[in-house]
Amino acid sequence: MAITTETWQHRDIITNGIRMHYVTQGTGPLIVLLHGFPEFWYSWRHQIPVLAEQGYRVVAPDLRGYNDTDKPRTGYDVSTLLRDIVGLIKGLGEEKAIIVGHDWGGVLAWAFALQYPQMTERLIVLNAPHPKIFLRELRSLAQLKKSWYIFAFQIPWLPEFLLVRNHAALIGKMLYDSAVQKAAFPPEVQAIYRDAMSKPGALRASLNYYRAAFRNPFSTGGRSDKIITVPTLLIWGDQDVALDISLTNRLEQWVSNLKVEHIPDSGHWVQQERQNEVNSLIQGFLSQ
């Protein structure tokens, strides 16, 4: 179901030279929720009020290029995107935060914990692979087949043209078709995502994440031998059409304090498909 009554506030902040839009609710320790492709802050609508009620200051930004955040032509490399997050946290008057990320937001969450461990209180990642593990599994045929879209997105202008047609109809279809729990994406929710991705420059910006990473595949931290030592929770919807379940294996050598939780009857959009299970897992982890 779509959220009809908002319990949060919409705000803007200047960070790393761009205006970033975010929603926020609650007071207490800071939690930053990082969304993926092709989403925006709205993908966390089921988590924001729950975490706020638990005594946290919840902040869910639109990442660079998405929805109501600025859409410059450059700055979609991981280092710049991480500086956007650093500026957000410091601009909010904090020195560290609990970092939560899904999909591309999860990629950034892993990289943030590697590059800014002093600013990472705890780490929660949903259906996004540790960079070392992803580079390892890309050698497998199973993951290469699932990652076909990354290569398709490297084609100039054509992906933008196809995805934006008919008011981004393919965006809504992609969300619905790839979900296991399809009730998470009724037409009214699809329409909200289609609206966001139809904003001028949004699709180009979102695809530039993939293009920048493709040009520099080690930028996410795949070359780093650093070990993440902060308490870390990995939540995985096991029926992910884009990311193989093998990406959750043998992480202990790179993450010393790790808990992995599987949700068997969910696809990639786990915090929307199985919101109650995800909320319970997050709350349990944060209460430890």
Protein backbone atom coordinates (compact mmCIF):
# COMPACT_ATOMS: atom_id res chain seq x y z
CA MET A 1 0.00 0.00 0.00
CA ALA A 2 1.12 3.55 -0.69
CA ILE A 3 1.73 5.82 2.28
CA THR A 4 -1.10 8.36 2.42
CA THR A 5 -0.18 10.24 5.61
CA GLU A 6 3.40 11.40 5.94
CA THR A 7 4.85 11.42 9.43
CA TRP A 8 8.18 12.91 8.38
CA GLN A 9 9.48 16.27 7.24
CA HIS A 10 11.04 17.22 3.89
CA ARG A 11 14.23 19.29 4.04
CA ASP A 12 17.23 20.33 1.96
CA ILE A 13 20.91 20.65 2.80
CA ILE A 14 23.99 21.78 0.93
CA THR A 15 26.62 19.05 0.86
CA ASN A 16 29.74 18.69 -1.26
CA GLY A 17 28.59 21.48 -3.58
CA ILE A 18 25.07 20.16 -4.28
CA ARG A 19 21.64 20.68 -2.79
CA MET A 20 20.46 17.38 -1.34
CA HIS A 21 16.83 16.70 -0.51
CA TYR A 22 16.03 14.40 2.40
CA VAL A 23 13.21 13.39 4.70
CA THR A 24 13.66 13.12 8.43
CA GLN A 25 11.76 12.01 11.49
CA GLY A 26 12.57 11.47 15.13
CA THR A 27 15.29 12.46 17.57
CA GLY A 28 18.25 10.55 18.95
CA PRO A 29 21.24 8.79 17.39
CA LEU A 30 21.47 9.43 13.66
CA ILE A 31 20.50 6.73 11.14
CA VAL A 32 21.14 7.46 7.45
CA LEU A 33 19.14 5.35 4.96
CA LEU A 34 20.68 5.12 1.47
CA HIS A 35 18.42 3.99 -1.37
CA GLY A 36 19.26 2.15 -4.58
CA PHE A 37 18.34 2.21 -8.28
CA PRO A 38 15.75 3.16 -9.50
CA GLU A 39 14.44 4.45 -6.20
CA PHE A 40 14.68 7.47 -3.89
CA TRP A 41 13.98 8.18 -0.21
CA TYR A 42 10.48 6.68 -0.64
CA SER A 43 11.88 3.13 -0.69
CA TRP A 44 12.38 3.50 3.10
CA ARG A 45 8.80 4.65 3.82
CA HIS A 46 8.10 1.52 5.88
CA GLN A 47 11.25 1.94 8.00
CA ILE A 48 11.35 5.68 8.69
CA PRO A 49 8.48 5.94 11.23
CA VAL A 50 9.32 2.63 12.90
CA LEU A 51 12.94 3.61 13.55
CA ALA A 52 11.89 7.10 14.67
CA GLU A 53 9.52 5.57 17.21
CA GLN A 54 12.44 3.49 18.51
CA GLY A 55 14.32 6.67 19.46
CA TYR A 56 16.44 7.44 16.39
CA ARG A 57 16.89 10.51 14.24
CA VAL A 58 16.16 9.01 10.82
CA VAL A 59 17.39 10.70 7.66
CA ALA A 60 16.65 9.30 4.19
CA PRO A 61 18.21 11.39 1.41
CA ASP A 62 17.66 11.40 -2.31
CA LEU A 63 21.17 10.56 -3.49
CA ARG A 64 22.95 12.73 -6.04
CA GLY A 65 20.92 12.88 -9.25
CA TYR A 66 17.75 11.31 -7.86
CA ASN A 67 14.28 12.79 -7.40
CA ASP A 68 14.57 16.26 -5.77
CA THR A 69 18.35 16.34 -5.23
CA ASP A 70 20.55 18.26 -7.69
CA LYS A 71 21.52 16.47 -10.90
CA PRO A 72 24.92 17.73 -12.02
CA ARG A 73 26.53 16.17 -15.07
CA THR A 74 29.52 14.93 -13.04
CA GLY A 75 30.26 13.47 -9.63
CA TYR A 76 28.84 9.95 -9.90
CA ASP A 77 32.08 8.20 -8.93
CA VAL A 78 32.04 6.49 -5.56
CA SER A 79 34.51 8.88 -3.89
CA THR A 80 32.34 11.90 -4.71
CA LEU A 81 29.15 10.12 -3.66
CA LEU A 82 30.75 9.24 -0.32
CA ARG A 83 31.72 12.88 0.21
CA ASP A 84 28.06 13.76 -0.34
CA ILE A 85 27.20 11.49 2.60
CA VAL A 86 30.02 12.86 4.76
CA GLY A 87 28.75 16.39 4.12
CA LEU A 88 25.21 15.33 4.96
CA ILE A 89 26.21 13.83 8.32
CA LYS A 90 28.40 16.78 9.29
CA GLY A 91 25.83 19.27 8.01
CA LEU A 92 23.33 17.70 10.37
CA GLY A 93 25.73 18.44 13.22
CA GLU A 94 26.90 14.88 13.75
CA GLU A 95 30.29 13.18 13.54
CA LYS A 96 29.06 9.62 12.90
CA ALA A 97 25.93 7.70 12.01
CA ILE A 98 24.41 4.27 11.70
CA ILE A 99 24.69 3.66 7.95
CA VAL A 100 21.97 1.62 6.23
CA GLY A 101 21.98 0.95 2.49
CA HIS A 102 20.13 -1.09 -0.11
CA ASP A 103 21.27 -1.89 -3.67
CA TRP A 104 23.44 1.06 -4.82
CA GLY A 105 22.93 2.56 -1.39
CA GLY A 106 24.35 -0.69 0.00
CA VAL A 107 27.37 -0.41 -2.30
CA LEU A 108 27.95 3.06 -0.88
CA ALA A 109 27.36 1.81 2.67
CA TRP A 110 30.09 -0.86 2.33
CA ALA A 111 32.46 1.70 0.79
CA PHE A 112 31.63 4.27 3.47
CA ALA A 113 32.48 1.82 6.26
CA LEU A 114 35.78 1.05 4.51
CA GLN A 115 36.79 4.66 3.83
CA TYR A 116 35.20 6.42 6.82
CA PRO A 117 35.23 3.88 9.66
CA GLN A 118 35.43 6.66 12.24
CA MET A 119 32.07 7.98 11.01
CA THR A 120 30.35 4.59 10.93
CA GLU A 121 28.62 3.69 14.19
CA ARG A 122 27.05 0.51 12.82
CA LEU A 123 26.49 -0.87 9.34
CA ILE A 124 23.34 -2.44 7.88
CA VAL A 125 23.31 -3.59 4.25
CA LEU A 126 20.37 -5.00 2.31
CA ASN A 127 20.89 -6.95 -0.92
CA ALA A 128 24.16 -5.36 -1.87
CA PRO A 129 27.44 -7.30 -2.05
CA HIS A 130 30.67 -6.51 -0.26
CA PRO A 131 32.99 -5.18 -3.01
CA LYS A 132 35.56 -7.94 -2.55
CA ILE A 133 32.90 -10.63 -2.84
CA PHE A 134 31.23 -9.04 -5.86
CA LEU A 135 34.49 -8.90 -7.79
CA ARG A 136 35.10 -12.52 -6.84
CA GLU A 137 31.67 -13.71 -7.95
CA LEU A 138 31.75 -11.76 -11.20
CA ARG A 139 34.08 -14.47 -12.41
CA SER A 140 31.17 -16.91 -12.20
CA LEU A 141 28.77 -17.44 -15.09
CA ALA A 142 25.76 -17.31 -12.77
CA GLN A 143 26.50 -13.78 -11.55
CA LEU A 144 27.61 -12.57 -14.98
CA LYS A 145 24.22 -13.58 -16.38
CA LYS A 146 22.45 -11.75 -13.57
CA SER A 147 24.59 -8.64 -14.12
CA TRP A 148 23.70 -8.25 -17.82
CA TYR A 149 22.02 -4.88 -17.17
CA ILE A 150 25.30 -3.33 -15.95
CA PHE A 151 26.79 -3.92 -19.37
CA ALA A 152 23.62 -2.72 -21.14
CA PHE A 153 23.74 0.53 -19.19
CA GLN A 154 27.14 1.34 -20.71
CA ILE A 155 25.51 2.02 -24.09
CA PRO A 156 25.25 5.80 -24.68
CA TRP A 157 21.76 7.44 -24.60
CA LEU A 158 19.78 4.30 -25.56
CA PRO A 159 19.05 3.08 -21.98
CA GLU A 160 17.84 6.56 -21.04
CA PHE A 161 15.58 6.69 -24.10
CA LEU A 162 14.03 3.29 -23.44
CA LEU A 163 13.59 3.71 -19.69
CA VAL A 164 12.05 7.18 -19.82
CA ARG A 165 9.49 6.41 -22.54
CA ASN A 166 5.80 6.51 -21.63
CA HIS A 167 6.53 8.30 -18.38
CA ALA A 168 9.15 5.72 -17.33
CA ALA A 169 6.75 2.81 -17.79
CA LEU A 170 9.62 0.32 -17.84
CA ILE A 171 10.71 1.47 -14.37
CA GLY A 172 7.38 0.49 -12.88
CA LYS A 173 7.33 -2.78 -14.83
CA MET A 174 10.86 -3.63 -13.69
CA LEU A 175 10.01 -3.11 -10.02
CA TYR A 176 6.85 -5.19 -10.26
CA ASP A 177 8.23 -8.00 -12.41
CA SER A 178 11.38 -8.51 -10.33
CA ALA A 179 9.54 -8.58 -6.99
CA VAL A 180 8.54 -11.86 -5.41
CA GLN A 181 5.94 -10.14 -3.24
CA LYS A 182 4.25 -8.21 -6.02
CA ALA A 183 1.73 -6.61 -3.68
CA ALA A 184 4.58 -4.30 -2.65
CA PHE A 185 4.32 -2.53 -6.01
CA PRO A 186 0.69 -1.79 -6.86
CA PRO A 187 0.06 0.71 -9.69
CA GLU A 188 -0.04 3.70 -7.34
CA VAL A 189 3.41 2.87 -5.93
CA GLN A 190 4.81 2.24 -9.40
CA ALA A 191 3.47 5.67 -10.39
CA ILE A 192 5.43 7.35 -7.58
CA TYR A 193 8.68 5.79 -8.80
CA ARG A 194 7.85 6.60 -12.41
CA ASP A 195 7.25 10.23 -11.49
CA ALA A 196 10.61 10.47 -9.72
CA MET A 197 12.56 8.89 -12.56
CA SER A 198 10.79 11.08 -15.15
CA LYS A 199 12.20 14.27 -13.64
CA PRO A 200 14.64 15.96 -16.04
CA GLY A 201 18.12 14.46 -15.73
CA ALA A 202 17.21 11.77 -13.18
CA LEU A 203 17.60 8.75 -15.45
CA ARG A 204 20.86 9.96 -16.93
CA ALA A 205 22.22 10.61 -13.46
CA SER A 206 21.17 7.23 -12.09
CA LEU A 207 22.77 5.38 -15.01
CA ASN A 208 25.96 7.39 -14.53
CA TYR A 209 26.49 5.50 -11.24
CA TYR A 210 26.92 2.30 -13.27
CA ARG A 211 29.01 3.98 -15.95
CA ALA A 212 31.43 5.54 -13.47
CA ALA A 213 31.80 2.23 -11.60
CA PHE A 214 32.33 0.33 -14.85
CA ARG A 215 35.20 2.65 -15.78
CA ASN A 216 36.79 2.12 -12.37
CA PRO A 217 35.58 -1.22 -10.95
CA PHE A 218 37.88 -1.01 -7.92
CA SER A 219 36.45 2.35 -6.79
CA THR A 220 33.94 0.69 -4.45
CA GLY A 221 36.73 -0.79 -2.34
CA GLY A 222 37.41 -4.02 -4.19
CA ARG A 223 41.17 -3.50 -3.92
CA SER A 224 41.10 -2.60 -0.26
CA ASP A 225 42.38 -5.13 2.26
CA LYS A 226 40.78 -3.21 5.12
CA ILE A 227 38.55 -5.18 7.44
CA ILE A 228 35.25 -3.70 8.56
CA THR A 229 35.19 -4.00 12.35
CA VAL A 230 31.99 -2.17 13.28
CA PRO A 231 28.96 -4.37 14.05
CA THR A 232 27.45 -5.25 10.67
CA LEU A 233 24.12 -6.75 9.63
CA LEU A 234 23.56 -8.10 6.12
CA ILE A 235 19.92 -8.75 5.18
CA TRP A 236 19.33 -10.70 1.98
CA GLY A 237 16.17 -11.38 0.02
CA ASP A 238 17.14 -14.79 -1.35
CA GLN A 239 15.16 -14.63 -4.60
CA ASP A 240 17.06 -11.63 -5.95
CA VAL A 241 17.00 -11.67 -9.76
CA ALA A 242 20.09 -9.45 -10.02
CA LEU A 243 22.40 -10.68 -7.26
CA ASP A 244 23.22 -14.31 -6.60
CA ILE A 245 22.84 -15.68 -3.08
CA SER A 246 26.49 -16.82 -3.23
CA LEU A 247 27.40 -13.16 -2.59
CA THR A 248 26.52 -13.73 1.07
CA ASN A 249 29.11 -16.49 1.52
CA ARG A 250 32.61 -16.29 3.04
CA LEU A 251 32.41 -12.68 4.17
CA GLU A 252 34.00 -13.24 7.57
CA GLN A 253 37.54 -12.50 6.41
CA TRP A 254 36.46 -8.99 5.36
CA VAL A 255 33.88 -8.21 8.05
CA SER A 256 34.93 -9.25 11.54
CA ASN A 257 31.66 -8.61 13.40
CA LEU A 258 29.01 -9.84 10.98
CA LYS A 259 25.50 -11.22 11.16
CA VAL A 260 23.77 -12.45 8.00
CA GLU A 261 19.98 -12.82 7.86
CA HIS A 262 18.19 -14.45 4.92
CA ILE A 263 14.59 -13.79 3.93
CA PRO A 264 13.72 -16.72 1.66
CA ASP A 265 10.44 -15.43 0.23
CA SER A 266 11.66 -12.00 -0.87
CA GLY A 267 13.26 -10.63 -3.98
CA HIS A 268 15.67 -7.73 -4.37
CA TRP A 269 13.38 -5.04 -2.91
CA VAL A 270 13.49 -6.65 0.51
CA GLN A 271 12.64 -3.67 2.76
CA GLN A 272 9.48 -3.11 0.70
CA GLU A 273 8.54 -6.72 -0.01
CA ARG A 274 9.00 -7.94 3.56
CA GLN A 275 8.87 -4.75 5.58
CA ASN A 276 7.89 -6.28 8.91
CA GLU A 277 10.66 -8.89 8.85
CA VAL A 278 13.22 -6.28 7.85
CA ASN A 279 12.07 -3.86 10.54
CA SER A 280 12.24 -6.60 13.16
CA LEU A 281 15.75 -7.62 12.10
CA ILE A 282 16.99 -4.03 12.15
CA GLN A 283 15.44 -3.31 15.54
CA GLY A 284 16.89 -6.50 17.02
CA PHE A 285 20.35 -5.72 15.69
CA LEU A 286 20.32 -2.14 16.97
CA SER A 287 19.15 -3.22 20.43
CA GLN A 288 22.14 -5.54 20.94
